[in-house]
């Protein structure tokens, strides 16, 4: 998450600012792809504690396998789909990984999300549509 990262000033000067037009989702992923493309190494640690709210709670998918996922608002689905598609376009070297992420998200929300499913699907469609029209930034829906 960009809310908990440390970044070398040299890397920031070389790679530029974070994308304001992504607004919320995948800001950090896009920047990490850009860092890697510029020969920087991205290091992730799970040893740091950061209190941070990621969504509207969790949905339990399967009691047998104890699978859960974060339940985001419809608006977050818009940003996730739109920005995932843009990351896939910009960084074809990561297409396989991000395409899989997109498929997993779509499957999860279509099959398991019961909270405002059709509203979320509509926002996901709008994210795809705005990606195709090259509309980025914060939306007012």
N, C-alpha and C. Protein backbone atom coordinates (compact mmCIF):
# COMPACT_ATOMS: atom_id res chain seq x y z
N UNK A 1 0.83 -1.19 0.00
CA UNK A 1 0.00 0.00 0.00
C UNK A 1 0.87 1.24 0.00
N UNK A 2 0.45 2.23 -0.71
CA UNK A 2 1.20 3.49 -0.71
C UNK A 2 1.11 4.16 0.66
N UNK A 3 0.11 3.79 1.44
CA UNK A 3 -0.04 4.40 2.75
C UNK A 3 1.00 3.90 3.75
N UNK A 4 1.80 2.93 3.38
CA UNK A 4 2.79 2.43 4.31
C UNK A 4 4.12 2.14 3.65
N UNK A 5 4.47 2.88 2.60
CA UNK A 5 5.71 2.55 1.90
C UNK A 5 6.85 3.47 2.27
N UNK A 6 8.03 3.00 2.01
CA UNK A 6 9.25 3.79 2.11
C UNK A 6 9.87 3.80 0.73
N UNK A 7 10.30 4.96 0.28
CA UNK A 7 10.78 5.10 -1.08
C UNK A 7 12.05 5.93 -1.10
N UNK A 8 13.04 5.44 -1.81
CA UNK A 8 14.29 6.20 -1.96
C UNK A 8 14.02 7.45 -2.79
N UNK A 9 14.57 8.58 -2.36
CA UNK A 9 14.39 9.85 -3.07
C UNK A 9 14.91 9.75 -4.50
N UNK A 10 16.01 9.04 -4.68
CA UNK A 10 16.58 8.86 -6.02
C UNK A 10 15.59 8.15 -6.94
N UNK A 11 14.93 7.12 -6.44
CA UNK A 11 13.95 6.37 -7.24
C UNK A 11 12.75 7.26 -7.57
N UNK A 12 12.32 8.05 -6.62
CA UNK A 12 11.19 8.95 -6.85
C UNK A 12 11.53 9.99 -7.91
N UNK A 13 12.73 10.53 -7.84
CA UNK A 13 13.15 11.52 -8.84
C UNK A 13 13.20 10.88 -10.23
N UNK A 14 13.69 9.66 -10.31
CA UNK A 14 13.81 8.99 -11.61
C UNK A 14 12.46 8.53 -12.16
N UNK A 15 11.61 7.99 -11.30
CA UNK A 15 10.36 7.37 -11.75
C UNK A 15 9.16 8.32 -11.71
N UNK A 16 9.29 9.42 -11.02
CA UNK A 16 8.21 10.39 -10.99
C UNK A 16 7.19 10.17 -9.89
N UNK A 17 6.14 10.93 -9.98
CA UNK A 17 5.08 10.93 -8.97
C UNK A 17 4.18 9.69 -9.09
N UNK A 18 3.42 9.46 -8.04
CA UNK A 18 2.36 8.46 -8.08
C UNK A 18 1.26 9.01 -8.98
N UNK A 19 0.49 8.12 -9.57
CA UNK A 19 -0.57 8.54 -10.50
C UNK A 19 -1.79 9.04 -9.73
N UNK A 20 -2.01 10.33 -9.76
CA UNK A 20 -3.19 10.91 -9.13
C UNK A 20 -4.47 10.47 -9.84
N UNK A 21 -4.38 10.20 -11.14
CA UNK A 21 -5.58 9.84 -11.90
C UNK A 21 -6.07 8.42 -11.60
N UNK A 22 -5.27 7.63 -10.89
CA UNK A 22 -5.76 6.33 -10.43
C UNK A 22 -6.64 6.52 -9.20
N UNK A 23 -6.44 7.59 -8.49
CA UNK A 23 -7.22 8.02 -7.34
C UNK A 23 -7.10 7.08 -6.14
N UNK A 24 -7.57 5.85 -6.21
CA UNK A 24 -7.52 4.98 -5.03
C UNK A 24 -6.76 3.69 -5.31
N UNK A 25 -7.30 2.87 -6.14
CA UNK A 25 -6.81 1.50 -6.28
C UNK A 25 -5.69 1.34 -7.30
N UNK A 26 -4.74 0.47 -6.94
CA UNK A 26 -3.60 0.09 -7.76
C UNK A 26 -2.58 1.21 -7.97
N UNK A 27 -2.66 2.25 -7.18
CA UNK A 27 -1.67 3.32 -7.22
C UNK A 27 -0.30 2.72 -6.89
N UNK A 28 -0.26 1.91 -5.86
CA UNK A 28 0.99 1.29 -5.42
C UNK A 28 1.48 0.24 -6.41
N UNK A 29 0.58 -0.57 -6.94
CA UNK A 29 0.97 -1.59 -7.91
C UNK A 29 1.58 -0.96 -9.16
N UNK A 30 0.93 0.06 -9.68
CA UNK A 30 1.45 0.72 -10.87
C UNK A 30 2.84 1.28 -10.61
N UNK A 31 3.02 1.88 -9.44
CA UNK A 31 4.32 2.48 -9.12
C UNK A 31 5.40 1.40 -8.98
N UNK A 32 5.05 0.29 -8.37
CA UNK A 32 6.01 -0.81 -8.25
C UNK A 32 6.40 -1.36 -9.62
N UNK A 33 5.45 -1.48 -10.52
CA UNK A 33 5.76 -1.91 -11.89
C UNK A 33 6.72 -0.91 -12.54
N UNK A 34 6.47 0.36 -12.32
CA UNK A 34 7.33 1.41 -12.89
C UNK A 34 8.73 1.35 -12.28
N UNK A 35 8.81 1.12 -10.97
CA UNK A 35 10.12 0.98 -10.32
C UNK A 35 10.88 -0.21 -10.91
N UNK A 36 10.21 -1.34 -11.02
CA UNK A 36 10.85 -2.54 -11.58
C UNK A 36 11.33 -2.29 -13.01
N UNK A 37 10.52 -1.61 -13.80
CA UNK A 37 10.89 -1.32 -15.18
C UNK A 37 12.14 -0.43 -15.24
N UNK A 38 12.35 0.36 -14.19
CA UNK A 38 13.51 1.24 -14.11
C UNK A 38 14.64 0.62 -13.28
N UNK A 39 14.62 -0.70 -13.17
CA UNK A 39 15.69 -1.48 -12.53
C UNK A 39 15.80 -1.30 -11.02
N UNK A 40 14.72 -0.90 -10.37
CA UNK A 40 14.71 -0.85 -8.90
C UNK A 40 14.08 -2.13 -8.37
N UNK A 41 14.51 -2.54 -7.20
CA UNK A 41 13.95 -3.71 -6.55
C UNK A 41 12.90 -3.27 -5.54
N UNK A 42 11.77 -3.92 -5.56
CA UNK A 42 10.70 -3.64 -4.61
C UNK A 42 10.74 -4.73 -3.55
N UNK A 43 10.78 -4.31 -2.30
CA UNK A 43 10.84 -5.25 -1.19
C UNK A 43 9.57 -5.11 -0.36
N UNK A 44 8.94 -6.24 -0.07
CA UNK A 44 7.72 -6.26 0.73
C UNK A 44 8.01 -6.97 2.04
N UNK A 45 7.48 -6.43 3.13
CA UNK A 45 7.61 -7.10 4.41
C UNK A 45 6.26 -7.18 5.09
N UNK A 46 6.03 -8.24 5.79
CA UNK A 46 4.81 -8.40 6.59
C UNK A 46 5.11 -8.24 8.07
N UNK A 47 6.28 -7.72 8.38
CA UNK A 47 6.72 -7.58 9.76
C UNK A 47 6.34 -6.24 10.40
N UNK A 48 5.76 -5.34 9.62
CA UNK A 48 5.39 -4.02 10.11
C UNK A 48 3.88 -3.99 10.36
N UNK A 49 3.48 -3.42 11.48
CA UNK A 49 2.06 -3.32 11.80
C UNK A 49 1.55 -1.94 11.37
N UNK A 50 0.54 -1.94 10.53
CA UNK A 50 -0.08 -0.72 10.06
C UNK A 50 -1.59 -0.87 10.20
N UNK A 51 -2.20 -0.03 11.01
CA UNK A 51 -3.65 -0.06 11.16
C UNK A 51 -4.24 0.69 9.99
N UNK A 52 -5.01 -0.04 9.18
CA UNK A 52 -5.50 0.53 7.94
C UNK A 52 -6.78 -0.18 7.55
N UNK A 53 -7.81 0.55 7.19
CA UNK A 53 -9.08 -0.04 6.78
C UNK A 53 -9.07 -0.30 5.28
N UNK A 54 -9.31 -1.54 4.88
CA UNK A 54 -9.25 -1.91 3.47
C UNK A 54 -10.60 -2.01 2.79
N UNK A 55 -11.66 -2.04 3.53
CA UNK A 55 -12.97 -2.21 2.90
C UNK A 55 -14.08 -2.16 3.91
N UNK A 56 -15.21 -2.75 3.55
CA UNK A 56 -16.40 -2.72 4.40
C UNK A 56 -16.59 -4.02 5.16
N UNK A 57 -15.53 -4.71 5.49
CA UNK A 57 -15.64 -5.96 6.20
C UNK A 57 -15.25 -7.12 5.30
N UNK A 58 -15.48 -8.31 5.80
CA UNK A 58 -15.07 -9.50 5.08
C UNK A 58 -16.27 -10.37 4.78
N UNK A 59 -16.18 -11.10 3.69
CA UNK A 59 -17.22 -12.06 3.30
C UNK A 59 -16.58 -13.44 3.39
N UNK A 60 -17.25 -14.34 4.07
CA UNK A 60 -16.76 -15.72 4.14
C UNK A 60 -17.30 -16.48 2.96
N UNK A 61 -16.39 -16.99 2.15
CA UNK A 61 -16.77 -17.70 0.93
C UNK A 61 -17.13 -19.14 1.23
N UNK A 62 -16.30 -19.81 1.99
CA UNK A 62 -16.51 -21.23 2.24
C UNK A 62 -16.13 -21.56 3.67
N UNK A 63 -17.08 -21.95 4.50
CA UNK A 63 -16.73 -22.33 5.87
C UNK A 63 -15.78 -23.52 5.92
N UNK A 64 -15.91 -24.42 4.95
CA UNK A 64 -15.06 -25.60 4.91
C UNK A 64 -13.59 -25.23 4.72
N UNK A 65 -13.31 -24.33 3.77
CA UNK A 65 -11.93 -23.94 3.47
C UNK A 65 -11.53 -22.63 4.14
N UNK A 66 -12.45 -22.03 4.87
CA UNK A 66 -12.21 -20.77 5.58
C UNK A 66 -11.68 -19.67 4.68
N UNK A 67 -12.20 -19.58 3.47
CA UNK A 67 -11.80 -18.53 2.54
C UNK A 67 -12.63 -17.28 2.80
N UNK A 68 -11.95 -16.15 2.79
CA UNK A 68 -12.63 -14.88 2.94
C UNK A 68 -12.07 -13.88 1.94
N UNK A 69 -12.80 -12.82 1.69
CA UNK A 69 -12.29 -11.73 0.88
C UNK A 69 -12.86 -10.42 1.40
N UNK A 70 -12.19 -9.34 1.06
CA UNK A 70 -12.60 -8.02 1.52
C UNK A 70 -13.81 -7.58 0.71
N UNK A 71 -14.81 -7.06 1.39
CA UNK A 71 -16.01 -6.59 0.72
C UNK A 71 -15.88 -5.08 0.50
N UNK A 72 -15.64 -4.69 -0.74
CA UNK A 72 -15.49 -3.29 -1.09
C UNK A 72 -16.82 -2.70 -1.53
N UNK A 73 -16.89 -1.38 -1.52
CA UNK A 73 -18.08 -0.68 -2.01
C UNK A 73 -18.13 -0.79 -3.54
N UNK A 74 -19.28 -0.46 -4.09
CA UNK A 74 -19.45 -0.48 -5.55
C UNK A 74 -18.45 0.47 -6.21
N UNK A 75 -18.24 1.63 -5.61
CA UNK A 75 -17.32 2.60 -6.18
C UNK A 75 -15.89 2.07 -6.23
N UNK A 76 -15.48 1.33 -5.21
CA UNK A 76 -14.14 0.73 -5.23
C UNK A 76 -14.01 -0.28 -6.35
N UNK A 77 -15.08 -1.00 -6.66
CA UNK A 77 -15.06 -1.95 -7.78
C UNK A 77 -14.80 -1.23 -9.09
N UNK A 78 -15.39 -0.06 -9.25
CA UNK A 78 -15.15 0.75 -10.44
C UNK A 78 -13.65 1.02 -10.59
N UNK A 79 -13.02 1.54 -9.54
CA UNK A 79 -11.60 1.90 -9.60
C UNK A 79 -10.71 0.67 -9.79
N UNK A 80 -11.06 -0.42 -9.12
CA UNK A 80 -10.26 -1.64 -9.23
C UNK A 80 -10.25 -2.14 -10.68
N UNK A 81 -11.42 -2.26 -11.30
CA UNK A 81 -11.49 -2.76 -12.67
C UNK A 81 -10.80 -1.80 -13.63
N UNK A 82 -11.13 -0.53 -13.56
CA UNK A 82 -10.56 0.45 -14.48
C UNK A 82 -9.04 0.49 -14.37
N UNK A 83 -8.53 0.53 -13.15
CA UNK A 83 -7.09 0.67 -12.96
C UNK A 83 -6.34 -0.63 -13.24
N UNK A 84 -6.95 -1.77 -12.93
CA UNK A 84 -6.32 -3.05 -13.29
C UNK A 84 -6.13 -3.15 -14.80
N UNK A 85 -7.15 -2.76 -15.54
CA UNK A 85 -7.04 -2.81 -17.00
C UNK A 85 -5.94 -1.89 -17.51
N UNK A 86 -5.79 -0.74 -16.90
CA UNK A 86 -4.74 0.19 -17.33
C UNK A 86 -3.35 -0.34 -16.98
N UNK A 87 -3.20 -0.97 -15.82
CA UNK A 87 -1.91 -1.57 -15.45
C UNK A 87 -1.57 -2.68 -16.44
N UNK A 88 -2.54 -3.49 -16.82
CA UNK A 88 -2.31 -4.55 -17.79
C UNK A 88 -1.85 -3.96 -19.13
N UNK A 89 -2.47 -2.87 -19.55
CA UNK A 89 -2.09 -2.23 -20.81
C UNK A 89 -0.69 -1.63 -20.74
N UNK A 90 -0.38 -0.96 -19.65
CA UNK A 90 0.90 -0.27 -19.52
C UNK A 90 2.09 -1.21 -19.31
N UNK A 91 1.84 -2.32 -18.64
CA UNK A 91 2.93 -3.22 -18.26
C UNK A 91 2.64 -4.64 -18.75
N UNK A 92 2.80 -4.86 -20.05
CA UNK A 92 2.49 -6.20 -20.59
C UNK A 92 3.34 -7.30 -19.97
N UNK A 93 4.49 -6.94 -19.41
CA UNK A 93 5.32 -7.95 -18.76
C UNK A 93 4.64 -8.52 -17.50
N UNK A 94 3.63 -7.84 -16.99
CA UNK A 94 2.88 -8.32 -15.82
C UNK A 94 1.44 -8.70 -16.18
N UNK A 95 1.17 -8.82 -17.46
CA UNK A 95 -0.19 -9.08 -17.93
C UNK A 95 -0.76 -10.37 -17.32
N UNK A 96 0.03 -11.42 -17.28
CA UNK A 96 -0.45 -12.70 -16.76
C UNK A 96 -0.90 -12.56 -15.30
N UNK A 97 -0.07 -11.90 -14.49
CA UNK A 97 -0.38 -11.74 -13.07
C UNK A 97 -1.64 -10.89 -12.86
N UNK A 98 -1.71 -9.72 -13.51
CA UNK A 98 -2.83 -8.82 -13.28
C UNK A 98 -4.11 -9.31 -13.96
N UNK A 99 -4.00 -10.02 -15.05
CA UNK A 99 -5.18 -10.62 -15.67
C UNK A 99 -5.78 -11.67 -14.73
N UNK A 100 -4.92 -12.43 -14.08
CA UNK A 100 -5.38 -13.42 -13.11
C UNK A 100 -6.07 -12.73 -11.93
N UNK A 101 -5.50 -11.61 -11.47
CA UNK A 101 -6.11 -10.86 -10.38
C UNK A 101 -7.51 -10.37 -10.77
N UNK A 102 -7.63 -9.89 -11.99
CA UNK A 102 -8.92 -9.41 -12.47
C UNK A 102 -9.93 -10.54 -12.54
N UNK A 103 -9.53 -11.68 -13.10
CA UNK A 103 -10.43 -12.84 -13.17
C UNK A 103 -10.86 -13.30 -11.79
N UNK A 104 -9.92 -13.37 -10.85
CA UNK A 104 -10.24 -13.79 -9.48
C UNK A 104 -11.25 -12.85 -8.84
N UNK A 105 -11.04 -11.56 -9.02
CA UNK A 105 -11.96 -10.58 -8.43
C UNK A 105 -13.35 -10.71 -9.03
N UNK A 106 -13.44 -10.79 -10.35
CA UNK A 106 -14.73 -10.91 -11.00
C UNK A 106 -15.46 -12.18 -10.53
N UNK A 107 -14.75 -13.28 -10.49
CA UNK A 107 -15.34 -14.55 -10.04
C UNK A 107 -15.86 -14.43 -8.62
N UNK A 108 -15.01 -13.89 -7.73
CA UNK A 108 -15.40 -13.75 -6.33
C UNK A 108 -16.68 -12.95 -6.17
N UNK A 109 -16.73 -11.81 -6.83
CA UNK A 109 -17.87 -10.93 -6.62
C UNK A 109 -19.11 -11.40 -7.33
N UNK A 110 -18.98 -12.04 -8.46
CA UNK A 110 -20.15 -12.56 -9.16
C UNK A 110 -20.72 -13.74 -8.39
N UNK A 111 -19.86 -14.63 -7.91
CA UNK A 111 -20.33 -15.86 -7.26
C UNK A 111 -20.68 -15.69 -5.79
N UNK A 112 -19.93 -14.88 -5.06
CA UNK A 112 -20.04 -14.91 -3.60
C UNK A 112 -20.54 -13.64 -2.94
N UNK A 113 -20.43 -12.52 -3.58
CA UNK A 113 -20.80 -11.26 -2.92
C UNK A 113 -22.31 -11.10 -2.98
N UNK A 114 -22.93 -10.95 -1.83
CA UNK A 114 -24.38 -10.80 -1.80
C UNK A 114 -24.80 -9.37 -1.47
N UNK A 115 -23.86 -8.53 -1.12
CA UNK A 115 -24.15 -7.15 -0.75
C UNK A 115 -24.11 -6.24 -1.98
N UNK A 116 -25.26 -5.82 -2.47
CA UNK A 116 -25.36 -4.91 -3.62
C UNK A 116 -24.68 -5.48 -4.87
N UNK A 117 -24.85 -6.76 -5.11
CA UNK A 117 -24.15 -7.42 -6.22
C UNK A 117 -24.39 -6.72 -7.55
N UNK A 118 -25.63 -6.39 -7.88
CA UNK A 118 -25.91 -5.82 -9.19
C UNK A 118 -25.40 -4.39 -9.30
N UNK A 119 -25.43 -3.67 -8.22
CA UNK A 119 -24.86 -2.32 -8.21
C UNK A 119 -23.36 -2.40 -8.44
N UNK A 120 -22.72 -3.34 -7.78
CA UNK A 120 -21.27 -3.51 -7.95
C UNK A 120 -20.94 -3.94 -9.37
N UNK A 121 -21.75 -4.82 -9.94
CA UNK A 121 -21.51 -5.25 -11.31
C UNK A 121 -21.65 -4.06 -12.27
N UNK A 122 -22.61 -3.20 -12.01
CA UNK A 122 -22.81 -2.01 -12.85
C UNK A 122 -21.58 -1.10 -12.75
N UNK A 123 -21.06 -0.91 -11.56
CA UNK A 123 -19.87 -0.07 -11.39
C UNK A 123 -18.65 -0.70 -12.04
N UNK A 124 -18.55 -2.03 -12.00
CA UNK A 124 -17.45 -2.70 -12.68
C UNK A 124 -17.55 -2.48 -14.19
N UNK A 125 -18.75 -2.54 -14.71
CA UNK A 125 -18.96 -2.26 -16.13
C UNK A 125 -18.54 -0.82 -16.44
N UNK A 126 -18.95 0.12 -15.59
CA UNK A 126 -18.56 1.52 -15.81
C UNK A 126 -17.05 1.69 -15.77
N UNK A 127 -16.37 0.93 -14.92
CA UNK A 127 -14.91 0.97 -14.87
C UNK A 127 -14.31 0.50 -16.18
N UNK A 128 -14.85 -0.58 -16.73
CA UNK A 128 -14.38 -1.08 -18.03
C UNK A 128 -14.65 -0.05 -19.12
N UNK A 129 -15.87 0.50 -19.11
CA UNK A 129 -16.25 1.49 -20.12
C UNK A 129 -15.34 2.73 -20.06
N UNK A 130 -15.09 3.24 -18.86
CA UNK A 130 -14.25 4.43 -18.74
C UNK A 130 -12.79 4.13 -19.08
N UNK A 131 -12.33 2.92 -18.80
CA UNK A 131 -10.99 2.51 -19.23
C UNK A 131 -10.92 2.58 -20.76
N UNK A 132 -11.93 2.01 -21.44
CA UNK A 132 -11.94 2.01 -22.90
C UNK A 132 -11.98 3.44 -23.45
N UNK A 133 -12.67 4.34 -22.76
CA UNK A 133 -12.76 5.74 -23.20
C UNK A 133 -11.58 6.58 -22.71
N UNK A 134 -10.65 5.93 -21.97
CA UNK A 134 -9.46 6.61 -21.43
C UNK A 134 -9.82 7.69 -20.42
N UNK A 135 -10.86 7.44 -19.63
CA UNK A 135 -11.28 8.36 -18.57
C UNK A 135 -10.67 7.91 -17.26
N UNK A 136 -9.87 8.77 -16.68
CA UNK A 136 -9.24 8.45 -15.40
C UNK A 136 -9.49 9.60 -14.43
N UNK A 137 -9.07 9.42 -13.19
CA UNK A 137 -9.31 10.42 -12.17
C UNK A 137 -10.50 10.02 -11.31
N UNK A 138 -10.85 10.88 -10.40
CA UNK A 138 -11.98 10.64 -9.50
C UNK A 138 -13.27 10.81 -10.28
N UNK A 139 -14.24 9.91 -10.01
CA UNK A 139 -15.52 10.01 -10.69
C UNK A 139 -16.58 10.52 -9.73
N UNK A 140 -17.65 11.02 -10.28
CA UNK A 140 -18.79 11.50 -9.49
C UNK A 140 -20.03 10.72 -9.90
N UNK A 141 -20.17 9.52 -9.36
CA UNK A 141 -21.37 8.68 -9.65
C UNK A 141 -22.25 8.68 -8.45
